[in-house]
């Protein structure tokens, strides 16, 4: 049952990915044609489809984690029953003080405890792997710029009027001035 649900979420995820690719192609065509408004709409659609795909993938992961937790609980219950049997065996071994039986019982107990620890660590790792994202408008501008750069497209005046893309200027690093005088003054101050 878990595998069927996971496969269903994956198929939905793949559907959104294909829709994202379609929107991205339309987005590139709109940029090539100089259609800034259409490009923005297709860009928003592509980002929305991508986020939907990620959300379905995230949900599939969470369902898988919940199923794993349930399986772990069932296994822990079985381990608990086994531990009860081991403890009874320890009681009998202690009564007879047969060292071999006691050693065998302790080995079984340690093995079951280690198995339980491994399962618990796996579950904690699976649950810590989930995150949430959001889609701000800057992602659309970033996507427009990236696609334009990848395809060597000029964005033109329509995009400069549309928003912050055309206002971006390359970052120029200013040469740093040596702060030796400041450092020397601080060093002298510390010495006094």
N, C-alpha and C. Protein backbone atom coordinates (compact mmCIF):
# COMPACT_ATOMS: atom_id res chain seq x y z
N UNK A 1 0.82 -1.19 0.00
CA UNK A 1 0.00 0.00 0.00
C UNK A 1 0.87 1.25 0.00
N UNK A 2 1.95 1.27 0.77
CA UNK A 2 2.83 2.42 0.84
C UNK A 2 3.49 2.68 -0.50
N UNK A 3 3.92 1.62 -1.17
CA UNK A 3 4.58 1.75 -2.46
C UNK A 3 3.63 2.35 -3.50
N UNK A 4 2.36 1.95 -3.49
CA UNK A 4 1.38 2.48 -4.42
C UNK A 4 1.19 3.98 -4.24
N UNK A 5 1.10 4.41 -3.00
CA UNK A 5 0.92 5.84 -2.71
C UNK A 5 2.16 6.61 -3.16
N UNK A 6 3.32 6.07 -2.87
CA UNK A 6 4.57 6.73 -3.24
C UNK A 6 4.67 6.85 -4.76
N UNK A 7 4.30 5.79 -5.49
CA UNK A 7 4.33 5.82 -6.95
C UNK A 7 3.33 6.83 -7.50
N UNK A 8 2.18 6.93 -6.88
CA UNK A 8 1.17 7.90 -7.32
C UNK A 8 1.70 9.33 -7.17
N UNK A 9 2.33 9.62 -6.02
CA UNK A 9 2.90 10.95 -5.81
C UNK A 9 4.03 11.21 -6.81
N UNK A 10 4.83 10.20 -7.11
CA UNK A 10 5.91 10.38 -8.08
C UNK A 10 5.37 10.64 -9.48
N UNK A 11 4.29 9.98 -9.85
CA UNK A 11 3.72 10.22 -11.18
C UNK A 11 3.15 11.64 -11.26
N UNK A 12 2.52 12.11 -10.19
CA UNK A 12 2.01 13.49 -10.16
C UNK A 12 3.19 14.46 -10.23
N UNK A 13 4.25 14.14 -9.51
CA UNK A 13 5.46 14.97 -9.51
C UNK A 13 6.03 15.07 -10.93
N UNK A 14 6.09 13.94 -11.64
CA UNK A 14 6.61 13.93 -13.01
C UNK A 14 5.70 14.73 -13.95
N UNK A 15 4.39 14.70 -13.72
CA UNK A 15 3.46 15.48 -14.52
C UNK A 15 3.76 16.98 -14.36
N UNK A 16 3.96 17.41 -13.12
CA UNK A 16 4.29 18.82 -12.89
C UNK A 16 5.64 19.19 -13.51
N UNK A 17 6.59 18.27 -13.49
CA UNK A 17 7.89 18.55 -14.12
C UNK A 17 7.75 18.74 -15.62
N UNK A 18 6.93 17.91 -16.26
CA UNK A 18 6.73 18.07 -17.71
C UNK A 18 6.01 19.38 -18.01
N UNK A 19 5.06 19.76 -17.16
CA UNK A 19 4.38 21.04 -17.35
C UNK A 19 5.35 22.20 -17.14
N UNK A 20 6.28 22.03 -16.20
CA UNK A 20 7.29 23.06 -15.98
C UNK A 20 8.16 23.23 -17.22
N UNK A 21 8.56 22.12 -17.85
CA UNK A 21 9.37 22.21 -19.06
C UNK A 21 8.61 22.90 -20.19
N UNK A 22 7.32 22.59 -20.31
CA UNK A 22 6.50 23.24 -21.34
C UNK A 22 6.44 24.75 -21.10
N UNK A 23 6.21 25.13 -19.85
CA UNK A 23 6.14 26.55 -19.52
C UNK A 23 7.50 27.23 -19.75
N UNK A 24 8.59 26.51 -19.47
CA UNK A 24 9.92 27.09 -19.68
C UNK A 24 10.17 27.34 -21.17
N UNK A 25 9.74 26.42 -22.02
CA UNK A 25 9.90 26.62 -23.47
C UNK A 25 9.08 27.82 -23.94
N UNK A 26 7.85 27.93 -23.44
CA UNK A 26 7.02 29.09 -23.79
C UNK A 26 7.66 30.38 -23.27
N UNK A 27 8.27 30.28 -22.11
CA UNK A 27 8.96 31.41 -21.49
C UNK A 27 10.11 31.88 -22.38
N UNK A 28 10.92 30.93 -22.86
CA UNK A 28 12.04 31.28 -23.74
C UNK A 28 11.54 31.92 -25.03
N UNK A 29 10.46 31.37 -25.60
CA UNK A 29 9.90 31.93 -26.82
C UNK A 29 9.42 33.36 -26.61
N UNK A 30 8.80 33.60 -25.46
CA UNK A 30 8.30 34.95 -25.16
C UNK A 30 9.46 35.93 -25.04
N UNK A 31 10.58 35.48 -24.43
CA UNK A 31 11.74 36.37 -24.32
C UNK A 31 12.31 36.66 -25.71
N UNK A 32 12.39 35.63 -26.55
CA UNK A 32 12.92 35.82 -27.90
C UNK A 32 12.05 36.77 -28.71
N UNK A 33 10.76 36.75 -28.47
CA UNK A 33 9.84 37.61 -29.20
C UNK A 33 9.73 39.01 -28.57
N UNK A 34 10.38 39.21 -27.43
CA UNK A 34 10.32 40.50 -26.76
C UNK A 34 9.03 40.73 -26.00
N UNK A 35 8.29 39.69 -25.71
CA UNK A 35 7.01 39.78 -25.00
C UNK A 35 7.27 39.69 -23.50
N UNK A 36 7.50 40.84 -22.87
CA UNK A 36 7.89 40.85 -21.45
C UNK A 36 6.76 40.36 -20.54
N UNK A 37 5.54 40.79 -20.82
CA UNK A 37 4.42 40.38 -19.96
C UNK A 37 4.17 38.88 -20.07
N UNK A 38 4.21 38.36 -21.29
CA UNK A 38 4.04 36.92 -21.49
C UNK A 38 5.16 36.14 -20.83
N UNK A 39 6.39 36.66 -20.94
CA UNK A 39 7.53 35.99 -20.31
C UNK A 39 7.36 35.93 -18.81
N UNK A 40 6.91 37.01 -18.22
CA UNK A 40 6.69 37.02 -16.77
C UNK A 40 5.63 35.99 -16.36
N UNK A 41 4.56 35.94 -17.13
CA UNK A 41 3.48 34.99 -16.81
C UNK A 41 3.98 33.56 -16.94
N UNK A 42 4.66 33.27 -18.07
CA UNK A 42 5.19 31.91 -18.26
C UNK A 42 6.25 31.58 -17.21
N UNK A 43 7.05 32.58 -16.82
CA UNK A 43 8.05 32.36 -15.78
C UNK A 43 7.40 32.03 -14.44
N UNK A 44 6.35 32.76 -14.11
CA UNK A 44 5.63 32.48 -12.86
C UNK A 44 5.00 31.10 -12.91
N UNK A 45 4.44 30.74 -14.07
CA UNK A 45 3.84 29.42 -14.21
C UNK A 45 4.88 28.32 -14.04
N UNK A 46 6.06 28.51 -14.65
CA UNK A 46 7.12 27.50 -14.56
C UNK A 46 7.57 27.33 -13.11
N UNK A 47 7.72 28.43 -12.41
CA UNK A 47 8.13 28.36 -11.00
C UNK A 47 7.05 27.69 -10.17
N UNK A 48 5.77 28.03 -10.43
CA UNK A 48 4.67 27.40 -9.70
C UNK A 48 4.65 25.90 -9.94
N UNK A 49 4.83 25.48 -11.19
CA UNK A 49 4.83 24.05 -11.51
C UNK A 49 6.00 23.35 -10.81
N UNK A 50 7.14 24.00 -10.78
CA UNK A 50 8.31 23.42 -10.11
C UNK A 50 8.02 23.26 -8.61
N UNK A 51 7.44 24.27 -8.01
CA UNK A 51 7.13 24.21 -6.58
C UNK A 51 6.08 23.15 -6.29
N UNK A 52 5.09 22.99 -7.18
CA UNK A 52 4.09 21.94 -6.99
C UNK A 52 4.76 20.57 -7.04
N UNK A 53 5.69 20.42 -7.98
CA UNK A 53 6.42 19.15 -8.09
C UNK A 53 7.19 18.86 -6.80
N UNK A 54 7.87 19.88 -6.29
CA UNK A 54 8.62 19.71 -5.04
C UNK A 54 7.70 19.44 -3.86
N UNK A 55 6.55 20.09 -3.83
CA UNK A 55 5.60 19.86 -2.74
C UNK A 55 5.09 18.42 -2.75
N UNK A 56 4.79 17.88 -3.93
CA UNK A 56 4.33 16.50 -4.00
C UNK A 56 5.45 15.53 -3.61
N UNK A 57 6.66 15.84 -4.02
CA UNK A 57 7.80 15.00 -3.63
C UNK A 57 8.01 15.05 -2.12
N UNK A 58 7.86 16.24 -1.55
CA UNK A 58 7.99 16.41 -0.10
C UNK A 58 6.90 15.63 0.64
N UNK A 59 5.66 15.69 0.12
CA UNK A 59 4.55 14.98 0.74
C UNK A 59 4.78 13.47 0.67
N UNK A 60 5.29 12.98 -0.46
CA UNK A 60 5.59 11.56 -0.59
C UNK A 60 6.64 11.15 0.44
N UNK A 61 7.62 12.01 0.64
CA UNK A 61 8.65 11.72 1.63
C UNK A 61 8.07 11.68 3.04
N UNK A 62 7.19 12.61 3.34
CA UNK A 62 6.57 12.63 4.67
C UNK A 62 5.68 11.41 4.90
N UNK A 63 4.94 11.01 3.88
CA UNK A 63 4.12 9.80 4.01
C UNK A 63 5.00 8.57 4.23
N UNK A 64 6.09 8.52 3.48
CA UNK A 64 7.02 7.40 3.65
C UNK A 64 7.60 7.40 5.07
N UNK A 65 7.91 8.59 5.59
CA UNK A 65 8.44 8.68 6.95
C UNK A 65 7.40 8.22 7.97
N UNK A 66 6.13 8.62 7.78
CA UNK A 66 5.07 8.18 8.70
C UNK A 66 4.90 6.67 8.65
N UNK A 67 4.91 6.11 7.46
CA UNK A 67 4.79 4.65 7.33
C UNK A 67 5.97 3.96 8.02
N UNK A 68 7.15 4.53 7.88
CA UNK A 68 8.32 3.96 8.54
C UNK A 68 8.18 4.03 10.05
N UNK A 69 7.63 5.13 10.54
CA UNK A 69 7.41 5.24 11.99
C UNK A 69 6.45 4.18 12.50
N UNK A 70 5.39 3.96 11.73
CA UNK A 70 4.42 2.92 12.13
C UNK A 70 5.09 1.55 12.12
N UNK A 71 5.86 1.27 11.07
CA UNK A 71 6.58 -0.01 11.01
C UNK A 71 7.55 -0.14 12.18
N UNK A 72 8.21 0.96 12.52
CA UNK A 72 9.14 0.94 13.64
C UNK A 72 8.41 0.65 14.95
N UNK A 73 7.24 1.26 15.12
CA UNK A 73 6.47 1.02 16.34
C UNK A 73 6.07 -0.45 16.44
N UNK A 74 5.66 -1.03 15.31
CA UNK A 74 5.29 -2.44 15.32
C UNK A 74 6.51 -3.30 15.66
N UNK A 75 7.65 -2.96 15.05
CA UNK A 75 8.88 -3.71 15.33
C UNK A 75 9.32 -3.54 16.79
N UNK A 76 9.17 -2.32 17.31
CA UNK A 76 9.55 -2.09 18.70
C UNK A 76 8.68 -2.92 19.64
N UNK A 77 7.41 -3.05 19.29
CA UNK A 77 6.53 -3.88 20.09
C UNK A 77 7.00 -5.33 20.08
N UNK A 78 7.42 -5.81 18.90
CA UNK A 78 7.94 -7.17 18.80
C UNK A 78 9.24 -7.31 19.58
N UNK A 79 10.09 -6.27 19.51
CA UNK A 79 11.35 -6.30 20.27
C UNK A 79 11.05 -6.29 21.76
N UNK A 80 10.04 -5.52 22.16
CA UNK A 80 9.66 -5.47 23.56
C UNK A 80 9.21 -6.84 24.05
N UNK A 81 8.40 -7.52 23.25
CA UNK A 81 7.98 -8.88 23.61
C UNK A 81 9.17 -9.81 23.71
N UNK A 82 10.12 -9.67 22.77
CA UNK A 82 11.33 -10.50 22.81
C UNK A 82 12.14 -10.20 24.07
N UNK A 83 12.21 -8.92 24.44
CA UNK A 83 12.96 -8.55 25.64
C UNK A 83 12.33 -9.17 26.89
N UNK A 84 10.99 -9.21 26.91
CA UNK A 84 10.32 -9.85 28.06
C UNK A 84 10.75 -11.30 28.16
N UNK A 85 10.79 -11.97 27.01
CA UNK A 85 11.23 -13.36 27.01
C UNK A 85 12.67 -13.49 27.46
N UNK A 86 13.51 -12.55 27.01
CA UNK A 86 14.92 -12.58 27.40
C UNK A 86 15.08 -12.36 28.90
N UNK A 87 14.30 -11.42 29.43
CA UNK A 87 14.38 -11.15 30.87
C UNK A 87 13.96 -12.39 31.67
N UNK A 88 12.89 -13.06 31.21
CA UNK A 88 12.48 -14.29 31.89
C UNK A 88 13.59 -15.32 31.82
N UNK A 89 14.21 -15.41 30.65
CA UNK A 89 15.35 -16.33 30.50
C UNK A 89 16.49 -15.95 31.42
N UNK A 90 16.71 -14.63 31.58
CA UNK A 90 17.77 -14.19 32.49
C UNK A 90 17.45 -14.60 33.92
N UNK A 91 16.18 -14.48 34.29
CA UNK A 91 15.77 -14.88 35.64
C UNK A 91 16.04 -16.35 35.88
N UNK A 92 15.69 -17.18 34.91
CA UNK A 92 15.96 -18.61 35.05
C UNK A 92 17.46 -18.90 35.09
N UNK A 93 18.21 -18.16 34.23
CA UNK A 93 19.66 -18.37 34.21
C UNK A 93 20.29 -17.95 35.53
N UNK A 94 19.80 -16.86 36.07
CA UNK A 94 20.35 -16.38 37.35
C UNK A 94 20.05 -17.39 38.46
N UNK A 95 18.86 -17.99 38.39
CA UNK A 95 18.49 -18.95 39.42
C UNK A 95 19.42 -20.17 39.36
N UNK A 96 19.72 -20.59 38.17
CA UNK A 96 20.59 -21.77 38.05
C UNK A 96 22.06 -21.35 38.01
N UNK A 97 22.33 -20.06 37.77
CA UNK A 97 23.69 -19.51 37.68
C UNK A 97 24.54 -20.24 36.64
N UNK A 98 23.90 -20.62 35.52
CA UNK A 98 24.62 -21.24 34.42
C UNK A 98 25.21 -20.09 33.58
N UNK A 99 26.51 -19.91 33.62
CA UNK A 99 27.19 -18.79 32.98
C UNK A 99 26.97 -18.82 31.46
N UNK A 100 26.96 -19.98 30.85
CA UNK A 100 26.79 -20.07 29.40
C UNK A 100 25.40 -19.57 28.99
N UNK A 101 24.37 -19.98 29.73
CA UNK A 101 23.02 -19.52 29.43
C UNK A 101 22.92 -18.01 29.64
N UNK A 102 23.52 -17.52 30.72
CA UNK A 102 23.49 -16.10 31.03
C UNK A 102 24.19 -15.31 29.93
N UNK A 103 25.33 -15.78 29.48
CA UNK A 103 26.07 -15.11 28.41
C UNK A 103 25.27 -15.10 27.11
N UNK A 104 24.65 -16.21 26.78
CA UNK A 104 23.83 -16.31 25.57
C UNK A 104 22.65 -15.35 25.63
N UNK A 105 22.01 -15.27 26.77
CA UNK A 105 20.87 -14.37 26.94
C UNK A 105 21.30 -12.91 26.82
N UNK A 106 22.44 -12.58 27.42
CA UNK A 106 22.94 -11.20 27.34
C UNK A 106 23.31 -10.83 25.90
N UNK A 107 23.89 -11.77 25.14
CA UNK A 107 24.22 -11.51 23.74
C UNK A 107 22.97 -11.22 22.92
N UNK A 108 21.91 -12.00 23.15
CA UNK A 108 20.65 -11.77 22.44
C UNK A 108 20.08 -10.40 22.79
N UNK A 109 20.15 -10.05 24.06
CA UNK A 109 19.63 -8.76 24.51
C UNK A 109 20.39 -7.61 23.84
N UNK A 110 21.72 -7.70 23.82
CA UNK A 110 22.53 -6.64 23.21
C UNK A 110 22.23 -6.51 21.72
N UNK A 111 22.07 -7.63 21.03
CA UNK A 111 21.78 -7.61 19.60
C UNK A 111 20.44 -6.92 19.33
N UNK A 112 19.43 -7.24 20.10
CA UNK A 112 18.12 -6.62 19.90
C UNK A 112 18.16 -5.13 20.23
N UNK A 113 18.93 -4.76 21.22
CA UNK A 113 19.06 -3.36 21.58
C UNK A 113 19.76 -2.57 20.47
N UNK A 114 20.80 -3.17 19.87
CA UNK A 114 21.49 -2.51 18.76
C UNK A 114 20.56 -2.35 17.56
N UNK A 115 19.77 -3.36 17.27
CA UNK A 115 18.81 -3.27 16.16
C UNK A 115 17.82 -2.14 16.39
N UNK A 116 17.34 -2.02 17.60
CA UNK A 116 16.40 -0.97 17.94
C UNK A 116 17.05 0.41 17.76
N UNK A 117 18.31 0.55 18.16
CA UNK A 117 19.02 1.81 18.05
C UNK A 117 19.20 2.20 16.58
N UNK A 118 19.55 1.25 15.73
CA UNK A 118 19.72 1.54 14.30
C UNK A 118 18.40 2.00 13.69
N UNK A 119 17.31 1.34 14.02
CA UNK A 119 16.01 1.71 13.47
C UNK A 119 15.59 3.11 13.93
N UNK A 120 15.86 3.42 15.18
CA UNK A 120 15.52 4.74 15.70
C UNK A 120 16.32 5.83 14.99
N UNK A 121 17.62 5.60 14.78
CA UNK A 121 18.45 6.58 14.09
C UNK A 121 17.98 6.78 12.65
N UNK A 122 17.57 5.74 11.98
CA UNK A 122 17.07 5.85 10.62
C UNK A 122 15.82 6.73 10.57
N UNK A 123 14.93 6.52 11.50
CA UNK A 123 13.70 7.30 11.53
C UNK A 123 13.98 8.77 11.80
N UNK A 124 14.88 9.06 12.72
CA UNK A 124 15.21 10.45 13.02
C UNK A 124 15.80 11.13 11.79
N UNK A 125 16.65 10.43 11.06
CA UNK A 125 17.23 10.99 9.84
C UNK A 125 16.18 11.28 8.78
N UNK A 126 15.23 10.37 8.64
CA UNK A 126 14.17 10.56 7.63
C UNK A 126 13.30 11.75 7.97
N UNK A 127 12.98 11.95 9.22
CA UNK A 127 12.10 13.05 9.60
C UNK A 127 12.81 14.40 9.55
N UNK A 128 14.13 14.42 9.74
CA UNK A 128 14.87 15.67 9.69
C UNK A 128 15.12 16.14 8.27
N UNK A 129 14.80 15.30 7.27
CA UNK A 129 15.10 15.63 5.88
C UNK A 129 14.03 16.50 5.22
N UNK A 130 12.93 16.83 5.91
CA UNK A 130 11.86 17.59 5.28
C UNK A 130 12.07 19.08 5.51
N UNK A 131 11.78 19.88 4.46
CA UNK A 131 11.90 21.33 4.56
C UNK A 131 10.76 21.98 3.79
N UNK A 132 10.63 23.27 3.93
CA UNK A 132 9.59 24.00 3.20
C UNK A 132 10.23 25.15 2.43
N UNK A 133 9.66 25.49 1.30
CA UNK A 133 10.18 26.60 0.49
C UNK A 133 9.05 27.54 0.11
N UNK A 134 9.41 28.72 -0.38
CA UNK A 134 8.43 29.66 -0.89
C UNK A 134 8.98 30.27 -2.18
N UNK A 135 8.14 30.92 -2.95
CA UNK A 135 8.55 31.48 -4.24
C UNK A 135 8.35 32.99 -4.26
N UNK A 136 9.38 33.78 -3.99
CA UNK A 136 9.24 35.23 -4.09
C UNK A 136 9.36 35.68 -5.55
N UNK A 137 8.98 36.91 -5.79
CA UNK A 137 9.00 37.48 -7.15
C UNK A 137 10.42 37.57 -7.70
N UNK A 138 11.42 37.67 -6.83
CA UNK A 138 12.80 37.76 -7.29
C UNK A 138 13.21 36.53 -8.07
N UNK A 139 12.58 35.38 -7.78
CA UNK A 139 12.92 34.16 -8.51
C UNK A 139 12.54 34.29 -9.99
N UNK A 140 11.44 34.96 -10.26
CA UNK A 140 11.03 35.16 -11.65
C UNK A 140 12.09 35.99 -12.36
N UNK A 141 12.51 37.09 -11.74
CA UNK A 141 13.52 37.94 -12.35
C UNK A 141 14.83 37.18 -12.53
N UNK A 142 15.20 36.38 -11.55
CA UNK A 142 16.41 35.57 -11.63
C UNK A 142 16.31 34.56 -12.78
N UNK A 143 15.15 33.94 -12.94
CA UNK A 143 14.92 32.98 -14.01
C UNK A 143 15.00 33.66 -15.37
N UNK A 144 14.40 34.85 -15.50
CA UNK A 144 14.45 35.59 -16.76
C UNK A 144 15.90 35.90 -17.11
N UNK A 145 16.65 36.39 -16.14
CA UNK A 145 18.06 36.72 -16.39
C UNK A 145 18.88 35.50 -16.76
N UNK A 146 18.66 34.38 -16.06
CA UNK A 146 19.42 33.16 -16.33
C UNK A 146 19.14 32.62 -17.72
N UNK A 147 17.83 32.57 -18.09
CA UNK A 147 17.46 32.05 -19.42
C UNK A 147 18.01 32.98 -20.50
N UNK A 148 17.94 34.27 -20.28
CA UNK A 148 18.47 35.21 -21.27
C UNK A 148 19.97 35.03 -21.43
N UNK A 149 20.69 34.84 -20.31
CA UNK A 149 22.14 34.62 -20.38
C UNK A 149 22.48 33.30 -21.07
N UNK A 150 21.74 32.23 -20.74
CA UNK A 150 22.01 30.91 -21.33
C UNK A 150 21.78 30.91 -22.83
N UNK A 151 20.80 31.66 -23.30
CA UNK A 151 20.45 31.66 -24.72
C UNK A 151 20.98 32.89 -25.45
N UNK A 152 21.85 33.66 -24.79
CA UNK A 152 22.43 34.88 -25.36
C UNK A 152 21.35 35.79 -25.95
N UNK A 153 20.33 36.04 -25.15
CA UNK A 153 19.22 36.88 -25.58
C UNK A 153 19.34 38.27 -24.96
N UNK A 154 18.95 39.26 -25.73
CA UNK A 154 18.92 40.62 -25.22
C UNK A 154 17.53 40.88 -24.67
N UNK A 155 17.42 41.40 -23.49
CA UNK A 155 16.12 41.57 -22.87
C UNK A 155 15.35 42.77 -23.42
N UNK A 156 16.01 43.80 -23.82
CA UNK A 156 15.34 44.92 -24.48
C UNK A 156 14.62 45.85 -23.52
N UNK A 157 13.97 46.88 -24.13
CA UNK A 157 13.31 47.92 -23.35
C UNK A 157 12.08 47.43 -22.61
N UNK A 158 11.36 46.47 -23.18
CA UNK A 158 10.13 45.98 -22.54
C UNK A 158 10.44 45.40 -21.17
N UNK A 159 11.58 44.75 -21.04
CA UNK A 159 11.94 44.17 -19.76
C UNK A 159 12.50 45.21 -18.80
N UNK A 160 13.15 46.26 -19.33
CA UNK A 160 13.68 47.30 -18.44
C UNK A 160 12.54 48.06 -17.78
N UNK A 161 11.43 48.24 -18.51
CA UNK A 161 10.27 48.91 -17.92
C UNK A 161 9.52 48.01 -16.96
N UNK A 162 9.64 46.69 -17.15
CA UNK A 162 8.84 45.73 -16.38
C UNK A 162 9.28 45.59 -14.94
N UNK A 163 10.55 45.68 -14.67
CA UNK A 163 10.93 45.45 -13.28
C UNK A 163 12.42 45.53 -13.04
N UNK A 164 12.84 44.94 -11.94
CA UNK A 164 14.20 45.12 -11.45
C UNK A 164 15.28 44.45 -12.29
N UNK A 165 14.95 43.67 -13.32
CA UNK A 165 15.98 42.96 -14.08
C UNK A 165 16.94 43.93 -14.73
N UNK A 166 16.42 44.91 -15.43
CA UNK A 166 17.28 45.81 -16.16
C UNK A 166 18.06 46.73 -15.24
N UNK A 167 17.61 46.86 -14.02
CA UNK A 167 18.28 47.74 -13.07
C UNK A 167 19.49 47.08 -12.42
N UNK A 168 19.66 45.79 -12.71
CA UNK A 168 20.80 45.10 -12.11
C UNK A 168 22.08 45.55 -12.79
N UNK A 169 23.08 45.83 -12.01
CA UNK A 169 24.39 46.17 -12.54
C UNK A 169 25.40 45.22 -11.93
N UNK A 170 26.44 44.92 -12.69
CA UNK A 170 27.42 43.99 -12.14
C UNK A 170 28.10 44.58 -10.91
N UNK A 171 28.36 43.72 -9.97
CA UNK A 171 29.03 44.15 -8.75
C UNK A 171 30.50 44.39 -9.04
N UNK A 172 30.98 45.56 -8.65
CA UNK A 172 32.39 45.89 -8.84
C UNK A 172 33.01 46.00 -7.47
N UNK A 173 34.05 45.23 -7.28
CA UNK A 173 34.72 45.29 -5.97
C UNK A 173 35.65 46.48 -5.95
N UNK A 174 35.53 47.25 -4.90
CA UNK A 174 36.44 48.35 -4.72
C UNK A 174 37.69 47.83 -4.04
N UNK A 175 38.83 48.32 -4.47
CA UNK A 175 40.06 47.83 -3.83
C UNK A 175 40.06 48.19 -2.35
N UNK A 176 40.46 47.25 -1.55
CA UNK A 176 40.47 47.48 -0.11
C UNK A 176 41.74 48.21 0.27
N UNK A 177 41.58 49.16 1.15
CA UNK A 177 42.71 49.93 1.63
C UNK A 177 43.34 49.21 2.80
N UNK A 178 44.63 49.17 2.81
CA UNK A 178 45.27 48.52 3.96
C UNK A 178 44.96 49.30 5.22
N UNK A 179 44.58 48.58 6.23
CA UNK A 179 44.23 49.20 7.49
C UNK A 179 45.36 49.06 8.49
N UNK A 180 46.58 49.17 7.99
CA UNK A 180 47.72 48.98 8.88
C UNK A 180 47.80 50.08 9.93
N UNK A 181 47.46 51.33 9.54
CA UNK A 181 47.51 52.41 10.52
C UNK A 181 46.51 52.16 11.65
N UNK A 182 45.33 51.72 11.28
CA UNK A 182 44.31 51.42 12.27
C UNK A 182 44.74 50.26 13.16
N UNK A 183 45.31 49.24 12.54
CA UNK A 183 45.77 48.08 13.30
C UNK A 183 46.93 48.44 14.22
N UNK A 184 47.84 49.27 13.71
CA UNK A 184 48.97 49.69 14.54
C UNK A 184 48.50 50.52 15.72
N UNK A 185 47.51 51.37 15.51
CA UNK A 185 46.98 52.19 16.59
C UNK A 185 46.31 51.31 17.65
N UNK A 186 45.58 50.30 17.20
CA UNK A 186 44.92 49.40 18.15
C UNK A 186 45.96 48.59 18.93
N UNK A 187 47.03 48.15 18.24
CA UNK A 187 48.08 47.40 18.89
C UNK A 187 48.79 48.25 19.95
N UNK A 188 49.04 49.51 19.60
CA UNK A 188 49.69 50.42 20.55
C UNK A 188 48.79 50.68 21.75
N UNK A 189 47.51 50.79 21.50
CA UNK A 189 46.55 51.00 22.57
C UNK A 189 46.51 49.80 23.51
N UNK A 190 46.60 48.60 22.96
CA UNK A 190 46.61 47.40 23.79
C UNK A 190 47.89 47.29 24.63
N UNK A 191 48.98 47.73 24.07
CA UNK A 191 50.25 47.66 24.80
C UNK A 191 50.25 48.61 26.00
N UNK A 192 49.56 49.74 25.87
CA UNK A 192 49.51 50.71 26.98
C UNK A 192 48.56 50.25 27.97
